[in-house]
Amino acid sequence: MKFYTDGSMIGLQKGSPVIGWAAVCNFGLVTCGNRKGGTNTNSEMLAIKDCLFSLKNEKSYLIEKENIIEIVTDSRVSIQIINSFLKNPDIFDINTNENYMIASHIIYYIKYFKEKGKKIVFTKVQGHNNNLGNHFADYVANTMSEKLTILWR
């Protein structure tokens, strides 16, 4: 089954960035979140992490009969960080970079699902390029950023 993730960052020009993220599938929203502070890569990584967290906990029914869980993202950087961390986690200091800490959580979920006989696959898509799942995740992520921005005014 395919899950689409995306992140959003707004407000950097004003010195107070807000990030939002989302994960969706063909059945609708899987998870979303937002917070004050962070980078676009943080938001992309949090979308992936929260998607896997939700699939492990609240939304496990979505993948009961699935052997392959495909995470579709437009973030090449996130995929590179995750793959690098998976190959050689000892070279990353999770105390110095938030993306490395998030990657360590993602790797935990990858190993968890592997023990359950499921494989996590990452697919890179071109952002904003006629991919309905990516558009939906982007819309929700942007909405989450904007929602928090309104609260911080």
N, C-alpha and C. Protein backbone atom coordinates (compact mmCIF):
# COMPACT_ATOMS: atom_id res chain seq x y z
N MET A 1 0.84 -1.17 0.00
CA MET A 1 0.00 0.00 0.00
C MET A 1 0.89 1.24 0.00
N LYS A 2 0.44 2.28 -0.68
CA LYS A 2 1.20 3.52 -0.79
C LYS A 2 0.72 4.54 0.23
N PHE A 3 1.70 5.22 0.83
CA PHE A 3 1.45 6.32 1.73
C PHE A 3 2.26 7.50 1.24
N TYR A 4 1.62 8.64 1.15
CA TYR A 4 2.26 9.84 0.62
C TYR A 4 2.56 10.78 1.79
N THR A 5 3.80 11.28 1.85
CA THR A 5 4.18 12.18 2.92
C THR A 5 4.71 13.48 2.34
N ASP A 6 4.52 14.55 3.10
CA ASP A 6 5.07 15.84 2.68
C ASP A 6 5.19 16.75 3.89
N GLY A 7 6.06 17.74 3.75
CA GLY A 7 6.28 18.72 4.80
C GLY A 7 6.20 20.12 4.24
N SER A 8 6.05 21.08 5.14
CA SER A 8 5.92 22.48 4.74
C SER A 8 6.60 23.35 5.78
N MET A 9 7.21 24.43 5.32
CA MET A 9 7.77 25.42 6.23
C MET A 9 7.39 26.80 5.73
N ILE A 10 6.87 27.63 6.62
CA ILE A 10 6.55 29.00 6.26
C ILE A 10 7.04 29.93 7.37
N GLY A 11 7.19 31.20 7.03
CA GLY A 11 7.55 32.21 8.02
C GLY A 11 9.03 32.41 8.24
N LEU A 12 9.87 31.78 7.43
CA LEU A 12 11.32 31.91 7.61
C LEU A 12 11.77 33.36 7.43
N GLN A 13 11.16 34.06 6.48
CA GLN A 13 11.54 35.44 6.21
C GLN A 13 11.27 36.34 7.42
N LYS A 14 10.31 35.98 8.22
CA LYS A 14 9.96 36.79 9.40
C LYS A 14 10.75 36.35 10.64
N GLY A 15 11.61 35.36 10.48
CA GLY A 15 12.45 34.92 11.57
C GLY A 15 11.81 33.93 12.53
N SER A 16 10.59 33.53 12.25
CA SER A 16 9.92 32.56 13.12
C SER A 16 9.24 31.49 12.27
N PRO A 17 10.03 30.53 11.78
CA PRO A 17 9.45 29.51 10.92
C PRO A 17 8.48 28.60 11.66
N VAL A 18 7.51 28.13 10.92
CA VAL A 18 6.52 27.18 11.39
C VAL A 18 6.53 26.02 10.39
N ILE A 19 6.54 24.81 10.91
CA ILE A 19 6.51 23.67 10.01
C ILE A 19 5.23 22.86 10.22
N GLY A 20 4.81 22.23 9.13
CA GLY A 20 3.67 21.33 9.16
C GLY A 20 4.02 20.10 8.35
N TRP A 21 3.37 19.00 8.63
CA TRP A 21 3.64 17.77 7.90
C TRP A 21 2.39 16.92 7.86
N ALA A 22 2.39 15.98 6.89
CA ALA A 22 1.22 15.12 6.73
C ALA A 22 1.59 13.83 6.04
N ALA A 23 0.79 12.82 6.31
CA ALA A 23 0.86 11.55 5.60
C ALA A 23 -0.57 11.16 5.24
N VAL A 24 -0.75 10.76 3.99
CA VAL A 24 -2.07 10.40 3.50
C VAL A 24 -1.98 9.08 2.73
N CYS A 25 -3.13 8.51 2.46
CA CYS A 25 -3.21 7.33 1.60
C CYS A 25 -4.52 7.43 0.82
N ASN A 26 -4.83 6.40 0.05
CA ASN A 26 -6.05 6.42 -0.75
C ASN A 26 -7.32 6.50 0.08
N PHE A 27 -7.22 6.14 1.37
CA PHE A 27 -8.39 6.18 2.24
C PHE A 27 -8.54 7.51 2.96
N GLY A 28 -7.52 8.39 2.84
CA GLY A 28 -7.60 9.69 3.48
C GLY A 28 -6.38 10.00 4.32
N LEU A 29 -6.58 10.83 5.32
CA LEU A 29 -5.51 11.30 6.18
C LEU A 29 -5.04 10.19 7.12
N VAL A 30 -3.73 10.01 7.19
CA VAL A 30 -3.14 9.05 8.13
C VAL A 30 -2.70 9.79 9.39
N THR A 31 -1.97 10.89 9.21
CA THR A 31 -1.50 11.68 10.34
C THR A 31 -1.07 13.06 9.85
N CYS A 32 -1.03 14.01 10.76
CA CYS A 32 -0.52 15.34 10.45
C CYS A 32 -0.08 16.01 11.73
N GLY A 33 0.72 17.04 11.59
CA GLY A 33 1.18 17.75 12.76
C GLY A 33 1.80 19.09 12.38
N ASN A 34 2.12 19.87 13.39
CA ASN A 34 2.78 21.15 13.16
C ASN A 34 3.50 21.57 14.42
N ARG A 35 4.41 22.51 14.26
CA ARG A 35 5.11 23.07 15.41
C ARG A 35 5.81 24.35 15.01
N LYS A 36 6.16 25.13 15.99
CA LYS A 36 6.93 26.34 15.76
C LYS A 36 8.41 25.94 15.73
N GLY A 37 9.13 26.43 14.74
CA GLY A 37 10.56 26.14 14.62
C GLY A 37 10.82 24.88 13.83
N GLY A 38 11.95 24.88 13.15
CA GLY A 38 12.35 23.72 12.38
C GLY A 38 12.64 24.08 10.94
N THR A 39 13.02 23.07 10.19
CA THR A 39 13.36 23.25 8.78
C THR A 39 12.41 22.45 7.91
N ASN A 40 12.48 22.70 6.63
CA ASN A 40 11.65 21.93 5.71
C ASN A 40 12.01 20.44 5.77
N THR A 41 13.31 20.15 5.88
CA THR A 41 13.72 18.74 5.98
C THR A 41 13.18 18.11 7.26
N ASN A 42 13.19 18.87 8.37
CA ASN A 42 12.58 18.36 9.61
C ASN A 42 11.15 17.95 9.35
N SER A 43 10.40 18.82 8.65
CA SER A 43 8.98 18.54 8.42
C SER A 43 8.79 17.30 7.54
N GLU A 44 9.64 17.16 6.53
CA GLU A 44 9.56 15.98 5.66
C GLU A 44 9.87 14.70 6.45
N MET A 45 10.88 14.76 7.28
CA MET A 45 11.27 13.59 8.09
C MET A 45 10.18 13.26 9.13
N LEU A 46 9.62 14.29 9.74
CA LEU A 46 8.55 14.06 10.72
C LEU A 46 7.32 13.44 10.07
N ALA A 47 7.04 13.80 8.83
CA ALA A 47 5.91 13.20 8.11
C ALA A 47 6.12 11.70 7.96
N ILE A 48 7.32 11.30 7.58
CA ILE A 48 7.64 9.88 7.41
C ILE A 48 7.57 9.15 8.75
N LYS A 49 8.21 9.74 9.77
CA LYS A 49 8.22 9.11 11.10
C LYS A 49 6.81 8.95 11.64
N ASP A 50 6.02 10.01 11.57
CA ASP A 50 4.66 9.93 12.11
C ASP A 50 3.77 8.98 11.32
N CYS A 51 4.02 8.87 10.03
CA CYS A 51 3.28 7.90 9.22
C CYS A 51 3.55 6.48 9.73
N LEU A 52 4.83 6.16 9.90
CA LEU A 52 5.18 4.81 10.37
C LEU A 52 4.69 4.58 11.79
N PHE A 53 4.77 5.60 12.64
CA PHE A 53 4.24 5.49 14.00
C PHE A 53 2.74 5.16 13.96
N SER A 54 2.00 5.89 13.13
CA SER A 54 0.55 5.66 13.02
C SER A 54 0.24 4.27 12.49
N LEU A 55 1.04 3.80 11.53
CA LEU A 55 0.80 2.47 10.98
C LEU A 55 1.12 1.38 11.99
N LYS A 56 2.04 1.65 12.87
CA LYS A 56 2.37 0.69 13.93
C LYS A 56 1.29 0.67 15.01
N ASN A 57 0.73 1.82 15.31
CA ASN A 57 -0.17 1.95 16.44
C ASN A 57 -1.63 2.10 16.04
N GLU A 58 -2.07 3.32 15.75
CA GLU A 58 -3.50 3.56 15.53
C GLU A 58 -4.05 3.03 14.21
N LYS A 59 -3.25 2.99 13.17
CA LYS A 59 -3.76 2.67 11.83
C LYS A 59 -3.24 1.34 11.29
N SER A 60 -2.90 0.42 12.18
CA SER A 60 -2.34 -0.86 11.75
C SER A 60 -3.28 -1.64 10.83
N TYR A 61 -4.59 -1.38 10.95
CA TYR A 61 -5.56 -2.07 10.11
C TYR A 61 -5.34 -1.76 8.62
N LEU A 62 -4.71 -0.63 8.30
CA LEU A 62 -4.46 -0.28 6.90
C LEU A 62 -3.46 -1.20 6.22
N ILE A 63 -2.60 -1.83 7.03
CA ILE A 63 -1.52 -2.63 6.44
C ILE A 63 -1.55 -4.09 6.87
N GLU A 64 -2.65 -4.53 7.46
CA GLU A 64 -2.75 -5.91 7.96
C GLU A 64 -2.38 -6.93 6.89
N LYS A 65 -2.88 -6.73 5.68
CA LYS A 65 -2.68 -7.72 4.62
C LYS A 65 -1.58 -7.32 3.65
N GLU A 66 -0.83 -6.30 3.99
CA GLU A 66 0.22 -5.78 3.09
C GLU A 66 1.58 -6.34 3.48
N ASN A 67 2.38 -6.70 2.49
CA ASN A 67 3.76 -7.10 2.72
C ASN A 67 4.72 -5.95 2.46
N ILE A 68 4.30 -5.03 1.59
CA ILE A 68 5.13 -3.89 1.24
C ILE A 68 4.40 -2.61 1.61
N ILE A 69 5.10 -1.76 2.36
CA ILE A 69 4.59 -0.45 2.72
C ILE A 69 5.44 0.55 1.94
N GLU A 70 4.83 1.23 1.00
CA GLU A 70 5.56 2.18 0.17
C GLU A 70 5.32 3.60 0.68
N ILE A 71 6.41 4.26 1.02
CA ILE A 71 6.35 5.66 1.44
C ILE A 71 6.77 6.49 0.24
N VAL A 72 5.85 7.28 -0.25
CA VAL A 72 6.10 8.12 -1.43
C VAL A 72 6.33 9.55 -0.94
N THR A 73 7.48 10.12 -1.29
CA THR A 73 7.84 11.46 -0.84
C THR A 73 8.52 12.23 -1.96
N ASP A 74 8.44 13.54 -1.87
CA ASP A 74 9.17 14.36 -2.84
C ASP A 74 10.49 14.86 -2.26
N SER A 75 10.88 14.31 -1.11
CA SER A 75 12.10 14.73 -0.42
C SER A 75 13.24 13.75 -0.64
N ARG A 76 14.07 14.06 -1.62
CA ARG A 76 15.26 13.25 -1.89
C ARG A 76 16.18 13.25 -0.66
N VAL A 77 16.32 14.40 -0.02
CA VAL A 77 17.20 14.52 1.14
C VAL A 77 16.76 13.56 2.26
N SER A 78 15.48 13.49 2.52
CA SER A 78 14.99 12.58 3.57
C SER A 78 15.33 11.14 3.26
N ILE A 79 15.12 10.73 2.03
CA ILE A 79 15.44 9.36 1.63
C ILE A 79 16.94 9.11 1.80
N GLN A 80 17.76 10.07 1.41
CA GLN A 80 19.22 9.92 1.54
C GLN A 80 19.64 9.80 3.01
N ILE A 81 19.08 10.63 3.87
CA ILE A 81 19.41 10.55 5.29
C ILE A 81 19.01 9.20 5.86
N ILE A 82 17.80 8.76 5.56
CA ILE A 82 17.31 7.48 6.08
C ILE A 82 18.16 6.32 5.58
N ASN A 83 18.44 6.28 4.28
CA ASN A 83 19.25 5.19 3.73
C ASN A 83 20.66 5.19 4.29
N SER A 84 21.25 6.36 4.45
CA SER A 84 22.59 6.46 5.02
C SER A 84 22.60 6.00 6.47
N PHE A 85 21.60 6.44 7.22
CA PHE A 85 21.49 6.05 8.62
C PHE A 85 21.27 4.55 8.75
N LEU A 86 20.49 3.99 7.85
CA LEU A 86 20.22 2.55 7.87
C LEU A 86 21.49 1.75 7.61
N LYS A 87 22.34 2.23 6.69
CA LYS A 87 23.57 1.53 6.34
C LYS A 87 24.64 1.64 7.42
N ASN A 88 24.76 2.81 8.03
CA ASN A 88 25.84 3.02 8.98
C ASN A 88 25.42 4.00 10.08
N PRO A 89 24.60 3.56 11.02
CA PRO A 89 24.07 4.47 12.04
C PRO A 89 25.14 5.03 12.99
N ASP A 90 26.25 4.34 13.12
CA ASP A 90 27.27 4.76 14.07
C ASP A 90 27.98 6.07 13.69
N ILE A 91 27.89 6.46 12.44
CA ILE A 91 28.58 7.70 12.05
C ILE A 91 27.73 8.94 12.29
N PHE A 92 26.48 8.75 12.72
CA PHE A 92 25.57 9.86 12.95
C PHE A 92 25.41 10.12 14.44
N ASP A 93 25.59 11.36 14.84
CA ASP A 93 25.38 11.75 16.23
C ASP A 93 23.99 12.35 16.35
N ILE A 94 23.07 11.58 16.92
CA ILE A 94 21.68 12.03 17.00
C ILE A 94 21.51 13.21 17.94
N ASN A 95 22.54 13.50 18.73
CA ASN A 95 22.46 14.65 19.64
C ASN A 95 22.84 15.96 18.97
N THR A 96 23.36 15.90 17.75
CA THR A 96 23.82 17.12 17.08
C THR A 96 22.91 17.55 15.93
N ASN A 97 22.00 16.69 15.51
CA ASN A 97 21.17 17.01 14.35
C ASN A 97 19.79 16.38 14.53
N GLU A 98 18.77 17.18 14.49
CA GLU A 98 17.42 16.67 14.69
C GLU A 98 17.03 15.66 13.62
N ASN A 99 17.47 15.88 12.39
CA ASN A 99 17.12 14.93 11.32
C ASN A 99 17.70 13.55 11.59
N TYR A 100 18.88 13.49 12.21
CA TYR A 100 19.47 12.20 12.56
C TYR A 100 18.66 11.53 13.66
N MET A 101 18.17 12.32 14.60
CA MET A 101 17.35 11.75 15.67
C MET A 101 16.05 11.20 15.09
N ILE A 102 15.44 11.95 14.19
CA ILE A 102 14.21 11.48 13.55
C ILE A 102 14.49 10.22 12.74
N ALA A 103 15.64 10.21 12.04
CA ALA A 103 16.02 9.02 11.26
C ALA A 103 16.16 7.80 12.16
N SER A 104 16.69 7.99 13.36
CA SER A 104 16.84 6.84 14.27
C SER A 104 15.47 6.26 14.63
N HIS A 105 14.47 7.11 14.77
CA HIS A 105 13.10 6.62 15.04
C HIS A 105 12.55 5.88 13.81
N ILE A 106 12.80 6.44 12.64
CA ILE A 106 12.33 5.81 11.40
C ILE A 106 12.95 4.43 11.24
N ILE A 107 14.25 4.32 11.55
CA ILE A 107 14.93 3.03 11.45
C ILE A 107 14.32 2.03 12.43
N TYR A 108 13.96 2.49 13.61
CA TYR A 108 13.29 1.62 14.57
C TYR A 108 12.02 1.03 13.95
N TYR A 109 11.22 1.87 13.28
CA TYR A 109 9.98 1.39 12.67
C TYR A 109 10.26 0.46 11.50
N ILE A 110 11.28 0.77 10.71
CA ILE A 110 11.64 -0.11 9.60
C ILE A 110 11.98 -1.50 10.13
N LYS A 111 12.77 -1.57 11.20
CA LYS A 111 13.13 -2.86 11.80
C LYS A 111 11.92 -3.55 12.42
N TYR A 112 11.06 -2.78 13.06
CA TYR A 112 9.84 -3.33 13.64
C TYR A 112 8.99 -4.01 12.57
N PHE A 113 8.77 -3.30 11.46
CA PHE A 113 7.93 -3.86 10.40
C PHE A 113 8.61 -5.05 9.72
N LYS A 114 9.92 -5.01 9.62
CA LYS A 114 10.66 -6.13 9.03
C LYS A 114 10.43 -7.39 9.86
N GLU A 115 10.46 -7.25 11.20
CA GLU A 115 10.19 -8.39 12.08
C GLU A 115 8.78 -8.94 11.89
N LYS A 116 7.86 -8.09 11.43
CA LYS A 116 6.48 -8.49 11.19
C LYS A 116 6.27 -9.00 9.76
N GLY A 117 7.38 -9.11 8.99
CA GLY A 117 7.29 -9.61 7.63
C GLY A 117 6.91 -8.56 6.60
N LYS A 118 7.08 -7.30 6.96
CA LYS A 118 6.72 -6.22 6.05
C LYS A 118 7.97 -5.44 5.67
N LYS A 119 8.00 -5.00 4.44
CA LYS A 119 9.14 -4.25 3.93
C LYS A 119 8.72 -2.81 3.69
N ILE A 120 9.55 -1.87 4.14
CA ILE A 120 9.32 -0.45 3.90
C ILE A 120 10.14 -0.07 2.66
N VAL A 121 9.48 0.54 1.70
CA VAL A 121 10.13 0.99 0.46
C VAL A 121 9.88 2.48 0.32
N PHE A 122 10.93 3.21 -0.04
CA PHE A 122 10.79 4.65 -0.26
C PHE A 122 10.83 4.95 -1.76
N THR A 123 9.90 5.75 -2.21
CA THR A 123 9.83 6.16 -3.61
C THR A 123 9.87 7.67 -3.68
N LYS A 124 10.75 8.20 -4.50
CA LYS A 124 10.87 9.64 -4.70
C LYS A 124 10.01 10.03 -5.89
N VAL A 125 9.17 11.05 -5.69
CA VAL A 125 8.38 11.61 -6.79
C VAL A 125 8.73 13.08 -6.93
N GLN A 126 8.48 13.60 -8.10
CA GLN A 126 8.66 15.02 -8.34
C GLN A 126 7.53 15.77 -7.65
N GLY A 127 7.86 16.70 -6.79
CA GLY A 127 6.84 17.48 -6.09
C GLY A 127 6.04 18.35 -7.05
N HIS A 128 4.77 18.52 -6.76
CA HIS A 128 3.88 19.41 -7.53
C HIS A 128 3.88 19.04 -9.02
N ASN A 129 3.81 17.74 -9.29
CA ASN A 129 3.90 17.28 -10.67
C ASN A 129 2.83 16.23 -10.97
N ASN A 130 1.58 16.59 -10.79
CA ASN A 130 0.44 15.74 -11.16
C ASN A 130 0.39 14.40 -10.44
N ASN A 131 0.88 14.36 -9.21
CA ASN A 131 0.75 13.17 -8.40
C ASN A 131 -0.29 13.49 -7.32
N LEU A 132 -1.46 12.90 -7.44
CA LEU A 132 -2.58 13.24 -6.56
C LEU A 132 -2.24 13.01 -5.09
N GLY A 133 -1.58 11.92 -4.77
CA GLY A 133 -1.21 11.64 -3.38
C GLY A 133 -0.27 12.69 -2.83
N ASN A 134 0.72 13.09 -3.64
CA ASN A 134 1.66 14.13 -3.22
C ASN A 134 0.95 15.46 -3.05
N HIS A 135 0.04 15.78 -3.96
CA HIS A 135 -0.72 17.03 -3.84
C HIS A 135 -1.56 17.05 -2.56
N PHE A 136 -2.18 15.94 -2.25
CA PHE A 136 -3.02 15.85 -1.05
C PHE A 136 -2.16 16.03 0.21
N ALA A 137 -1.03 15.33 0.29
CA ALA A 137 -0.13 15.46 1.44
C ALA A 137 0.40 16.88 1.55
N ASP A 138 0.75 17.48 0.41
CA ASP A 138 1.24 18.86 0.38
C ASP A 138 0.17 19.82 0.89
N TYR A 139 -1.05 19.63 0.45
CA TYR A 139 -2.15 20.49 0.88
C TYR A 139 -2.34 20.43 2.40
N VAL A 140 -2.35 19.23 2.94
CA VAL A 140 -2.55 19.08 4.38
C VAL A 140 -1.37 19.66 5.15
N ALA A 141 -0.15 19.40 4.69
CA ALA A 141 1.05 19.94 5.36
C ALA A 141 1.03 21.47 5.37
N ASN A 142 0.70 22.08 4.24
CA ASN A 142 0.62 23.54 4.16
C ASN A 142 -0.49 24.08 5.06
N THR A 143 -1.61 23.39 5.08
CA THR A 143 -2.72 23.80 5.94
C THR A 143 -2.30 23.75 7.40
N MET A 144 -1.56 22.74 7.78
CA MET A 144 -1.09 22.64 9.17
C MET A 144 -0.14 23.78 9.51
N SER A 145 0.76 24.13 8.59
CA SER A 145 1.67 25.26 8.82
C SER A 145 0.89 26.56 8.97
N GLU A 146 -0.04 26.78 8.05
CA GLU A 146 -0.82 28.01 8.07
C GLU A 146 -1.68 28.11 9.33
N LYS A 147 -2.23 26.98 9.75
CA LYS A 147 -3.06 26.95 10.94
C LYS A 147 -2.26 27.42 12.17
N LEU A 148 -1.05 26.93 12.31
CA LEU A 148 -0.23 27.32 13.44
C LEU A 148 0.25 28.77 13.32
N THR A 149 0.52 29.21 12.10
CA THR A 149 0.93 30.59 11.88
C THR A 149 -0.15 31.55 12.36
N ILE A 150 -1.39 31.24 12.10
CA ILE A 150 -2.51 32.09 12.53
C ILE A 150 -2.55 32.16 14.05
N LEU A 151 -2.30 31.05 14.72
CA LEU A 151 -2.32 31.02 16.18
C LEU A 151 -1.19 31.85 16.79
N TRP A 152 -0.05 31.95 16.08
CA TRP A 152 1.13 32.65 16.62
C TRP A 152 1.13 34.14 16.32
N ARG A 153 0.15 34.64 15.61
CA ARG A 153 0.11 36.07 15.29
C ARG A 153 -0.19 36.90 16.49
